[in-house]
Amino acid sequence: MMDESIMKQDEEVLEDLGTTEPPEVEEPQNYTDAKTRLDEIVKQVRAKDVSLERSLDLLEEGVKLANQCTELIDQTRWDDESGS
């Protein structure tokens, strides 16, 4: 079961930011940045020191990043094939 103190910490951080919503994360501009952020998300979730709500936010961000990585890879392949 999730530790209530972790959930409280998440709420306090959001209150300090003056919002109840998690901050918007700037979309990485390249594959390396997106992959680095995905690795950070995986570490956070595996450490199990985030609330369920925050984990779901991270999951949503991770899915977006994974889709972006796929698009970047597909674009690179398309550019390589059309340039050959």
Foldseek 3Di string as FASTA:
>chain_A
DQDVVQVVVVCVVQVVVVHRDDDDDDDDPDLVVLVVLLVVLVVVVVVSSHDPVVNVVSVVSNVVSVVVNVVRVVVVVVCVVVVD
